[in-house]
Amino acid sequence: MATLKRFLLSVLSIALVPSTVFVHGQFENPLQSDTLEEFLLAILNVVVYIMYPIIVLMIVYTGFLFVAAQGNPTKLQEARRALIWTVIGALVVLGSKALALAIKGTIQSF
C-alpha cells in the first residue's frame, strides 16, 4: 500500500510540474487565460460543449421511454419524470452561460 502511494505521488509530481512551464529562466503560464475570470469561462465553455450531446441523448431516451410505456400509467409517469428532469438539466446547462455573464456584469458594475 505504501509503495502504491509513493508511486502515485511520484507520478502526480511529474505530471503537475511540466518542463514547459520554466522557459529561458522565467515561468511561463501553462494556462491560456490570464485572469481567473477567463479561466472559469473557459471551463464553463468546455462543460457546456460536452453537455450538448448528452442533453440530446437524454431527450431521445425520454422519447424512447414514452414509446416503450405503451399506455402503462406507471411507465408513463416515469417517462414524464425523466422528461421533466431532462428539461430542468438542459435549462441549468444552457442557462449557466447567461448566469455567468449576469454575475460578471454585476461584479463589474461595482
C-alpha atoms as a PDB file:
ATOM      1  CA  MET A   1       0.000   0.000   0.000  1.00  0.00           C
ATOM      2  CA  ALA A   2       2.821   2.388   0.871  1.00  0.00           C
ATOM      3  CA  THR A   3       4.555   1.552  -2.406  1.00  0.00           C
ATOM      4  CA  LEU A   4       1.399   2.385  -4.343  1.00  0.00           C
ATOM      5  CA  LYS A   5       1.095   5.713  -2.529  1.00  0.00           C
ATOM      6  CA  ARG A   6       4.716   6.578  -3.324  1.00  0.00           C
ATOM      7  CA  PHE A   7       4.240   5.597  -6.957  1.00  0.00           C
ATOM      8  CA  LEU A   8       1.081   7.719  -7.310  1.00  0.00           C
ATOM      9  CA  LEU A   9       2.753  10.651  -5.575  1.00  0.00           C
ATOM     10  CA  SER A  10       5.753  10.474  -7.904  1.00  0.00           C
ATOM     11  CA  VAL A  11       3.506  10.254 -10.994  1.00  0.00           C
ATOM     12  CA  LEU A  12       1.462  13.228  -9.802  1.00  0.00           C
ATOM     13  CA  SER A  13       4.563  15.278  -9.050  1.00  0.00           C
ATOM     14  CA  ILE A  14       5.900  14.623 -12.540  1.00  0.00           C
ATOM     15  CA  ALA A  15       2.532  15.377 -14.134  1.00  0.00           C
ATOM     16  CA  LEU A  16       1.954  18.582 -12.184  1.00  0.00           C
ATOM     17  CA  VAL A  17       5.335  20.137 -12.969  1.00  0.00           C
ATOM     18  CA  PRO A  18       5.660  20.082 -16.739  1.00  0.00           C
ATOM     19  CA  SER A  19       9.008  21.033 -18.199  1.00  0.00           C
ATOM     20  CA  THR A  20       7.412  23.635 -20.471  1.00  0.00           C
ATOM     21  CA  VAL A  21       6.495  25.876 -17.530  1.00  0.00           C
ATOM     22  CA  PHE A  22      10.085  27.022 -16.985  1.00  0.00           C
ATOM     23  CA  VAL A  23      11.398  28.596 -20.182  1.00  0.00           C
ATOM     24  CA  HIS A  24      14.523  30.764 -20.501  1.00  0.00           C
ATOM     25  CA  GLY A  25      14.873  31.437 -16.796  1.00  0.00           C
ATOM     26  CA  GLN A  26      11.297  32.572 -16.190  1.00  0.00           C
ATOM     27  CA  PHE A  27       7.998  30.902 -15.594  1.00  0.00           C
ATOM     28  CA  GLU A  28       5.527  30.649 -18.451  1.00  0.00           C
ATOM     29  CA  ASN A  29       1.800  30.491 -17.774  1.00  0.00           C
ATOM     30  CA  PRO A  30       0.645  26.985 -18.814  1.00  0.00           C
ATOM     31  CA  LEU A  31      -2.979  28.136 -18.967  1.00  0.00           C
ATOM     32  CA  GLN A  32      -4.345  30.011 -21.959  1.00  0.00           C
ATOM     33  CA  SER A  33      -6.052  32.600 -19.758  1.00  0.00           C
ATOM     34  CA  ASP A  34      -4.524  35.456 -17.837  1.00  0.00           C
ATOM     35  CA  THR A  35      -7.275  36.027 -15.273  1.00  0.00           C
ATOM     36  CA  LEU A  36      -9.406  33.816 -13.098  1.00  0.00           C
ATOM     37  CA  GLU A  37     -12.486  35.073 -14.922  1.00  0.00           C
ATOM     38  CA  GLU A  38     -11.150  33.913 -18.304  1.00  0.00           C
ATOM     39  CA  PHE A  39     -10.152  30.566 -16.813  1.00  0.00           C
ATOM     40  CA  LEU A  40     -13.604  29.953 -15.294  1.00  0.00           C
ATOM     41  CA  LEU A  41     -15.328  30.961 -18.531  1.00  0.00           C
ATOM     42  CA  ALA A  42     -13.094  28.534 -20.451  1.00  0.00           C
ATOM     43  CA  ILE A  43     -14.049  25.725 -18.066  1.00  0.00           C
ATOM     44  CA  LEU A  44     -17.727  26.668 -18.398  1.00  0.00           C
ATOM     45  CA  ASN A  45     -17.476  26.604 -22.183  1.00  0.00           C
ATOM     46  CA  VAL A  46     -15.940  23.130 -22.108  1.00  0.00           C
ATOM     47  CA  VAL A  47     -18.623  21.822 -19.750  1.00  0.00           C
ATOM     48  CA  VAL A  48     -21.429  23.283 -21.875  1.00  0.00           C
ATOM     49  CA  TYR A  49     -19.824  21.909 -25.048  1.00  0.00           C
ATOM     50  CA  ILE A  50     -19.670  18.427 -23.509  1.00  0.00           C
ATOM     51  CA  MET A  51     -23.225  18.600 -22.165  1.00  0.00           C
ATOM     52  CA  TYR A  52     -24.909  19.439 -25.510  1.00  0.00           C
ATOM     53  CA  PRO A  53     -24.726  15.874 -26.889  1.00  0.00           C
ATOM     54  CA  ILE A  54     -25.721  14.441 -23.514  1.00  0.00           C
ATOM     55  CA  ILE A  55     -28.829  16.648 -23.478  1.00  0.00           C
ATOM     56  CA  VAL A  56     -29.767  15.462 -26.968  1.00  0.00           C
ATOM     57  CA  LEU A  57     -29.242  11.825 -25.990  1.00  0.00           C
ATOM     58  CA  MET A  58     -31.388  12.249 -22.887  1.00  0.00           C
ATOM     59  CA  ILE A  59     -34.213  13.774 -24.926  1.00  0.00           C
ATOM     60  CA  VAL A  60     -34.037  10.842 -27.334  1.00  0.00           C
ATOM     61  CA  TYR A  61     -34.004   8.433 -24.382  1.00  0.00           C
ATOM     62  CA  THR A  62     -37.087  10.038 -22.825  1.00  0.00           C
ATOM     63  CA  GLY A  63     -38.836   9.754 -26.175  1.00  0.00           C
ATOM     64  CA  PHE A  64     -37.951   6.071 -26.158  1.00  0.00           C
ATOM     65  CA  LEU A  65     -39.401   5.779 -22.645  1.00  0.00           C
ATOM     66  CA  PHE A  66     -42.686   7.284 -23.850  1.00  0.00           C
ATOM     67  CA  VAL A  67     -42.850   4.863 -26.769  1.00  0.00           C
ATOM     68  CA  ALA A  68     -41.910   1.883 -24.597  1.00  0.00           C
ATOM     69  CA  ALA A  69     -44.570   2.787 -22.000  1.00  0.00           C
ATOM     70  CA  GLN A  70     -47.358   1.689 -24.403  1.00  0.00           C
ATOM     71  CA  GLY A  71     -50.056   3.331 -22.307  1.00  0.00           C
ATOM     72  CA  ASN A  72     -48.934   1.856 -18.979  1.00  0.00           C
ATOM     73  CA  PRO A  73     -49.676   4.626 -16.417  1.00  0.00           C
ATOM     74  CA  THR A  74     -46.713   3.766 -14.202  1.00  0.00           C
ATOM     75  CA  LYS A  75     -44.242   3.799 -17.080  1.00  0.00           C
ATOM     76  CA  LEU A  76     -45.800   6.970 -18.495  1.00  0.00           C
ATOM     77  CA  GLN A  77     -45.325   8.690 -15.145  1.00  0.00           C
ATOM     78  CA  GLU A  78     -41.706   7.513 -15.126  1.00  0.00           C
ATOM     79  CA  ALA A  79     -41.208   8.855 -18.666  1.00  0.00           C
ATOM     80  CA  ARG A  80     -42.765  12.219 -17.723  1.00  0.00           C
ATOM     81  CA  ARG A  81     -40.480  12.453 -14.705  1.00  0.00           C
ATOM     82  CA  ALA A  82     -37.456  11.718 -16.923  1.00  0.00           C
ATOM     83  CA  LEU A  83     -38.582  14.389 -19.396  1.00  0.00           C
ATOM     84  CA  ILE A  84     -39.054  16.979 -16.659  1.00  0.00           C
ATOM     85  CA  TRP A  85     -35.602  16.324 -15.201  1.00  0.00           C
ATOM     86  CA  THR A  86     -34.051  16.368 -18.648  1.00  0.00           C
ATOM     87  CA  VAL A  87     -35.601  19.767 -19.372  1.00  0.00           C
ATOM     88  CA  ILE A  88     -34.517  21.102 -15.965  1.00  0.00           C
ATOM     89  CA  GLY A  89     -30.964  19.860 -16.547  1.00  0.00           C
ATOM     90  CA  ALA A  90     -30.909  21.387 -20.036  1.00  0.00           C
ATOM     91  CA  LEU A  91     -32.099  24.715 -18.658  1.00  0.00           C
ATOM     92  CA  VAL A  92     -29.412  24.653 -15.987  1.00  0.00           C
ATOM     93  CA  VAL A  93     -26.672  23.848 -18.504  1.00  0.00           C
ATOM     94  CA  LEU A  94     -27.865  26.303 -21.131  1.00  0.00           C
ATOM     95  CA  GLY A  95     -28.667  28.967 -18.547  1.00  0.00           C
ATOM     96  CA  SER A  96     -25.292  28.675 -16.855  1.00  0.00           C
ATOM     97  CA  LYS A  97     -23.664  30.799 -19.531  1.00  0.00           C
ATOM     98  CA  ALA A  98     -26.300  33.510 -19.123  1.00  0.00           C
ATOM     99  CA  LEU A  99     -25.942  33.326 -15.339  1.00  0.00           C
ATOM    100  CA  ALA A 100     -22.163  33.650 -15.604  1.00  0.00           C
ATOM    101  CA  LEU A 101     -22.491  36.714 -17.822  1.00  0.00           C
ATOM    102  CA  ALA A 102     -25.039  38.233 -15.423  1.00  0.00           C
ATOM    103  CA  ILE A 103     -22.723  37.690 -12.449  1.00  0.00           C
ATOM    104  CA  LYS A 104     -19.816  39.142 -14.440  1.00  0.00           C
ATOM    105  CA  GLY A 105     -21.858  42.243 -15.298  1.00  0.00           C
ATOM    106  CA  THR A 106     -22.941  42.683 -11.689  1.00  0.00           C
ATOM    107  CA  ILE A 107     -19.409  42.390 -10.368  1.00  0.00           C
ATOM    108  CA  GLN A 108     -18.033  44.778 -12.995  1.00  0.00           C
ATOM    109  CA  SER A 109     -20.686  47.358 -12.137  1.00  0.00           C
ATOM    110  CA  PHE A 110     -19.325  47.559  -8.582  1.00  0.00           C
END
